[in-house]
Protein backbone atom coordinates (compact mmCIF):
# COMPACT_ATOMS: atom_id res chain seq x y z
CA MET A 1 -31.01 44.91 159.32
CA LYS A 2 -32.96 42.22 157.48
CA ASN A 3 -34.82 44.87 155.48
CA ARG A 4 -31.52 46.50 154.48
CA ILE A 5 -30.11 43.17 153.26
CA PHE A 6 -33.36 42.45 151.42
CA TYR A 7 -33.24 45.82 149.62
CA LYS A 8 -29.60 45.30 148.66
CA ILE A 9 -30.43 41.91 147.17
CA CYS A 10 -33.36 43.46 145.29
CA ARG A 11 -31.10 46.20 143.89
CA VAL A 12 -28.52 43.65 142.73
CA ILE A 13 -31.20 41.55 141.05
CA THR A 14 -32.67 44.65 139.40
CA VAL A 15 -29.26 45.70 138.04
CA ILE A 16 -28.60 42.18 136.71
CA LEU A 17 -32.00 42.05 135.02
CA ALA A 18 -31.49 45.52 133.52
CA VAL A 19 -28.09 44.52 132.12
CA LEU A 20 -29.55 41.34 130.62
CA ILE A 21 -32.47 43.22 129.06
CA VAL A 22 -30.11 45.80 127.52
CA PHE A 23 -27.76 43.07 126.26
CA PHE A 24 -30.43 40.93 124.64
CA SER A 25 -32.25 43.95 123.19
CA THR A 26 -29.01 45.27 121.68
CA ASP A 27 -28.12 41.80 120.42
CA PHE A 28 -31.54 41.46 118.79
CA VAL A 29 -31.33 44.83 117.00
CA LEU A 30 -27.77 44.30 115.78
CA SER A 31 -28.56 40.74 114.71
CA GLU A 32 -31.48 42.00 112.62
CA ILE A 33 -29.12 44.43 110.89
CA THR A 34 -26.45 41.83 110.08
CA ASP A 35 -28.95 39.11 109.13
CA LYS A 36 -30.36 41.02 106.16
CA TRP A 37 -27.05 40.62 104.30
CA ALA A 38 -27.03 36.83 104.38
CA TYR A 39 -28.19 36.25 100.80
CA LYS A 40 -27.40 38.13 97.64
CA ASP A 41 -26.40 35.27 95.33
CA SER A 42 -29.18 35.77 92.78
CA GLU A 43 -27.68 39.17 91.90
CA ASN A 44 -24.86 37.26 90.19
CA ARG A 45 -27.10 35.51 87.65
CA ASP A 46 -26.13 36.19 84.03
CA ASP A 47 -27.71 33.50 81.88
CA PHE A 48 -26.22 34.76 78.61
CA GLN A 49 -22.69 34.79 80.00
CA TRP A 50 -23.25 31.37 81.51
CA ALA A 51 -24.40 29.94 78.16
CA LEU A 52 -21.07 30.97 76.65
CA LEU A 53 -19.16 29.48 79.58
CA GLU A 54 -21.13 26.25 79.48
CA GLU A 55 -20.23 25.77 75.83
CA LYS A 56 -16.55 26.20 76.73
CA LEU A 57 -16.86 23.71 79.58
CA LEU A 58 -18.60 21.08 77.47
CA ASN A 59 -16.06 21.47 74.67
CA ASN A 60 -13.17 21.21 77.15
CA GLU A 61 -11.75 24.56 75.99
CA ASN A 62 -9.09 26.38 77.97
CA LEU A 63 -10.54 28.82 80.50
CA THR A 64 -9.27 32.34 81.02
CA GLU A 65 -8.92 34.01 84.41
CA GLU A 66 -12.05 35.99 83.54
CA ASP A 67 -13.88 32.71 82.90
CA TYR A 68 -12.87 31.36 86.30
CA GLU A 69 -14.03 34.58 87.96
CA GLU A 70 -17.41 34.41 86.24
CA ILE A 71 -17.84 30.75 87.21
CA PHE A 72 -17.08 31.68 90.79
CA LEU A 73 -19.60 34.51 90.79
CA GLN A 74 -22.34 32.27 89.43
CA SER A 75 -21.60 29.01 91.24
CA GLY A 76 -19.38 29.71 94.27
CA LEU A 77 -16.73 27.37 92.82
CA GLY A 78 -13.14 28.58 92.97
CA LYS A 79 -10.47 27.60 90.47
CA PRO A 80 -9.27 24.51 92.41
CA ALA A 81 -12.81 23.09 92.53
CA VAL A 82 -13.48 23.87 88.86
CA ASP A 83 -10.22 22.23 87.78
CA SER A 84 -10.97 19.20 89.95
CA LEU A 85 -14.44 18.70 88.43
CA LEU A 86 -13.12 19.18 84.90
CA GLY A 87 -10.30 16.74 85.61
CA GLU A 88 -12.93 14.18 86.58
CA GLY A 89 -14.79 14.87 83.34
CA ARG A 90 -17.75 16.38 85.21
CA PRO A 91 -18.59 19.78 83.66
CA ASP A 92 -22.26 18.90 84.26
CA LYS A 93 -21.55 19.01 88.00
CA ILE A 94 -20.46 22.65 87.70
CA LYS A 95 -23.88 23.43 86.24
CA GLU A 96 -25.58 21.63 89.16
CA TYR A 97 -23.60 23.69 91.67
CA ARG A 98 -24.63 26.88 89.84
CA GLU A 99 -28.31 25.93 89.93
CA TYR A 100 -28.12 25.29 93.65
CA TYR A 101 -26.03 28.40 94.36
CA LEU A 102 -28.56 30.68 92.68
CA MET A 103 -31.60 28.95 94.15
CA ASP A 104 -33.76 31.10 96.44
CA LYS A 105 -33.22 30.21 100.09
CA GLU A 106 -34.17 31.55 103.49
CA PHE A 107 -32.65 31.25 106.93
CA TYR A 108 -33.53 31.58 110.57
CA CYS A 109 -31.46 32.54 113.58
CA TYR A 110 -31.42 30.84 116.97
CA ARG A 111 -29.40 31.36 120.13
CA LYS A 112 -26.85 28.75 121.14
CA GLY A 113 -25.50 29.50 124.57
CA VAL A 114 -25.77 32.94 126.13
CA PHE A 115 -23.90 35.05 123.59
CA ALA A 116 -23.80 33.34 120.19
CA CYS A 117 -26.54 33.35 117.56
CA HIS A 118 -26.42 30.60 114.93
CA GLU A 119 -28.14 30.62 111.55
CA LYS A 120 -29.64 27.66 109.74
CA MET A 121 -30.70 27.50 106.13
CA THR A 122 -34.19 26.64 104.93
CA ASP A 123 -36.06 26.34 101.65
CA LEU A 124 -38.94 28.71 100.90
CA SER A 125 -41.36 26.43 102.76
CA GLY A 126 -39.32 26.71 105.97
CA GLU A 127 -37.79 23.21 105.91
CA VAL A 128 -34.16 23.07 107.08
CA ILE A 129 -31.91 22.14 104.17
CA SER A 130 -28.21 21.40 103.73
CA HIS A 131 -25.70 22.35 101.07
CA PRO A 132 -24.54 19.67 98.61
CA ASP A 133 -21.22 17.98 99.37
CA PHE A 134 -18.20 20.19 98.84
CA ALA A 135 -16.79 19.90 95.33
CA ASP A 136 -13.11 19.36 96.18
CA LEU A 137 -12.49 18.77 99.88
CA GLN A 138 -8.97 17.68 100.84
CA ASN A 139 -7.08 16.99 104.06
CA GLY A 140 -5.65 20.21 105.44
CA ASP A 141 -8.40 22.36 103.94
CA ILE A 142 -9.89 25.05 106.17
CA VAL A 143 -13.66 25.35 106.42
CA ILE A 144 -15.12 28.53 107.88
CA THR A 145 -18.60 29.92 108.43
CA LEU A 146 -19.73 33.46 109.19
CA SER A 147 -23.21 32.26 110.17
CA ILE A 148 -22.44 32.67 113.88
CA HIS A 149 -22.59 36.14 115.39
CA SER A 150 -22.75 37.99 118.69
CA LEU A 151 -23.94 41.59 119.10
CA GLY A 152 -23.97 41.91 115.32
CA TRP A 153 -20.32 40.80 114.93
CA ARG A 154 -20.01 37.84 112.59
CA HIS A 155 -17.02 36.24 114.30
CA GLY A 156 -17.93 32.90 112.72
CA HIS A 157 -16.21 29.56 113.23
CA ALA A 158 -13.38 27.55 111.67
CA THR A 159 -12.15 23.97 111.45
CA ILE A 160 -9.26 22.15 109.78
CA ILE A 161 -10.04 19.01 107.77
CA THR A 162 -8.28 15.89 108.99
CA ASP A 163 -10.29 13.22 107.15
CA ALA A 164 -11.76 14.61 103.94
CA GLU A 165 -13.15 11.28 102.79
CA ASN A 166 -15.40 11.05 105.83
CA GLY A 167 -15.92 14.80 106.29
CA ILE A 168 -14.17 15.13 109.65
CA GLY A 169 -12.18 18.03 111.08
CA VAL A 170 -10.78 19.30 114.36
CA GLN A 171 -12.29 22.36 116.00
CA ALA A 172 -12.45 24.39 119.19
CA VAL A 173 -16.11 25.14 119.85
CA MET A 174 -17.02 27.18 122.91
CA MET A 175 -16.38 27.91 126.56
CA GLY A 176 -16.72 24.82 128.71
CA GLU A 177 -15.85 22.42 125.88
CA LYS A 178 -12.49 21.02 124.83
CA SER A 179 -11.35 20.96 121.20
CA ASN A 180 -12.35 17.79 119.41
CA ASN A 181 -13.48 16.30 116.12
CA THR A 182 -16.44 17.67 114.17
CA ARG A 183 -18.44 16.24 111.29
CA LEU A 184 -18.94 18.57 108.34
CA ASP A 185 -22.53 17.40 107.98
CA THR A 186 -23.30 19.79 110.84
CA TRP A 187 -21.71 22.66 108.90
CA LYS A 188 -23.69 22.20 105.70
CA SER A 189 -26.83 23.84 107.07
CA PHE A 190 -24.98 27.10 107.77
CA PRO A 191 -25.98 29.70 105.15
CA LEU A 192 -22.47 31.17 104.83
CA VAL A 193 -19.60 28.71 104.35
CA ALA A 194 -16.20 28.77 102.62
CA VAL A 195 -13.55 26.13 101.93
CA LEU A 196 -10.03 27.60 101.81
CA ARG A 197 -6.64 26.10 100.93
CA PRO A 198 -3.09 27.41 101.44
CA LYS A 199 -1.50 28.67 98.23
CA ASN A 200 1.71 27.17 96.88
CA ILE A 201 1.80 24.48 99.57
CA ASP A 202 2.24 20.86 98.57
CA GLU A 203 -0.31 18.22 99.48
CA ALA A 204 2.09 16.51 101.90
CA THR A 205 2.35 19.67 104.03
CA ARG A 206 -1.43 20.10 104.08
CA ILE A 207 -1.85 16.50 105.19
CA GLN A 208 0.84 17.03 107.82
CA ALA A 209 -1.04 20.05 109.24
CA GLY A 210 -4.23 18.01 109.51
CA GLU A 211 -2.38 15.17 111.22
CA PHE A 212 -0.78 17.60 113.67
CA ALA A 213 -4.20 18.92 114.62
CA GLU A 214 -5.59 15.42 115.00
CA ASN A 215 -2.68 14.21 117.15
CA ASN A 216 -1.84 17.31 119.19
CA LEU A 217 -4.64 19.86 119.27
CA LYS A 218 -7.60 17.89 120.59
CA GLY A 219 -8.52 18.19 124.25
CA LEU A 220 -7.44 21.83 124.63
CA TYR A 221 -9.54 24.16 126.76
CA TYR A 222 -11.43 26.88 124.89
CA SER A 223 -10.58 30.49 125.60
CA LEU A 224 -11.57 33.69 123.79
CA SER A 225 -8.03 34.91 124.46
CA GLY A 226 -6.47 31.81 122.91
CA GLY A 227 -3.23 32.90 121.26
CA VAL A 228 -3.41 36.49 122.52
CA PHE A 229 -0.71 36.11 125.17
CA THR A 230 1.40 33.48 123.43
CA GLY A 231 1.28 35.34 120.11
CA ARG A 232 3.24 33.44 117.48
CA ASP A 233 5.26 31.54 120.06
CA MET A 234 5.62 27.93 118.90
CA GLU A 235 7.84 26.61 121.70
CA GLU A 236 5.11 24.45 123.19
CA ILE A 237 1.50 23.50 122.48
CA PRO A 238 -0.85 26.00 124.18
CA LEU A 239 -3.13 24.99 127.01
CA THR A 240 -6.02 27.02 125.59
CA THR A 241 -7.15 27.92 122.11
CA GLN A 242 -10.05 29.17 120.01
CA CYS A 243 -11.27 27.98 116.63
CA ALA A 244 -9.17 30.15 114.31
CA HIS A 245 -6.09 29.97 116.52
CA LEU A 246 -6.24 26.16 116.48
CA VAL A 247 -6.30 26.08 112.66
CA TRP A 248 -3.50 28.64 112.42
CA TYR A 249 -1.39 26.75 114.98
CA ALA A 250 -1.72 23.46 113.06
CA TYR A 251 -0.15 25.06 110.00
CA MET A 252 2.37 27.14 111.91
CA ALA A 253 3.63 23.93 113.52
CA CYS A 254 4.47 22.82 109.96
CA GLY A 255 6.27 26.08 109.21
CA VAL A 256 3.43 27.78 107.32
CA ASP A 257 1.82 31.05 108.46
CA ILE A 258 -1.63 31.12 106.86
CA ALA A 259 -2.61 34.49 108.37
CA PRO A 260 0.54 36.65 108.36
CA GLU A 261 -1.52 39.84 108.04
CA SER A 262 -3.55 39.24 111.23
CA GLY A 263 -2.79 40.58 114.68
CA ARG A 264 -2.52 38.62 117.92
CA ILE A 265 -6.20 37.69 117.72
CA ILE A 266 -6.86 35.49 114.68
CA THR A 267 -10.43 35.20 113.42
CA PRO A 268 -12.11 33.10 110.71
CA LYS A 269 -12.55 36.27 108.63
CA ASP A 270 -8.76 36.74 108.71
CA PHE A 271 -8.53 33.46 106.80
CA LEU A 272 -11.13 34.62 104.30
CA GLU A 273 -9.12 37.79 103.65
CA SER A 274 -5.66 36.20 103.79
CA GLU A 275 -3.46 36.47 100.70
CA SER A 276 -1.91 33.15 101.74
CA LEU A 277 -5.13 31.20 101.16
CA GLU A 278 -7.19 30.58 98.05
CA ILE A 279 -10.91 29.93 97.79
CA VAL A 280 -11.93 26.42 96.84
CA GLN A 281 -15.66 26.96 97.20
CA VAL A 282 -18.20 29.18 98.94
CA TYR A 283 -21.86 28.89 99.80
CA GLY A 284 -23.90 32.04 100.36
CA SER A 285 -22.69 35.63 100.06
CA ILE A 286 -19.84 35.11 102.51
CA MET A 287 -17.48 37.27 100.43
CA ASP A 288 -19.75 40.30 100.86
CA LEU A 289 -19.62 40.33 104.68
């Protein structure tokens, strides 16, 4: 009898170990495949085109849509960020962002928790580095990263900015943790980051969405199925959430659907692809993933 129980226990342990070995081996292989796409910024370098653009910027000439697109490709700055820097009389800052954006960088991947792999950015000597401050961060902005992946799927992470001056947002992180504040300093070492802003929405509504998140969406339990069963039901604040659902809910509570094209599961990439949001700034080749 004891031998039979012992063999059963051994079989269970063997099965568990086999499953773990298969999982981590698969995760490693798929992570290697997705990791190789993290950086392609230097492909966008066009020094001649930039020289023409820089002359326009310094002379305060009107920019065409093609000019804005070229600036974005070479610096990661979207139209809102470019207009903000020009409004401050800082065309030189646009050049600084371009130099950083096109600078050669590396990254490494490490496991955080059982399932998620996080990436950090380093210089060519292997020292961990951080991105410069965001060019035009405002309350209600949405910051996402795709530098978090599991089994090769870059599900990423998202937060809504509630205090732009101090770089603070509200986020839902992971199983076992409740939603709470985050400091953007911890986001600036992710290789792939984007700042997004709802289109055609006034500043007051964006501020209102951030305040709603700050006052109502902290302390919620994390669940991968957050929003799946409640769908777009806004009758009461959910008991559980996940990062993208929390951001979406903050805006939906203010009457704005920032991801109308998504299904019941909302992901950070849905925000990146949403026609309802515009790009303020990106770091890394996040648009290529």
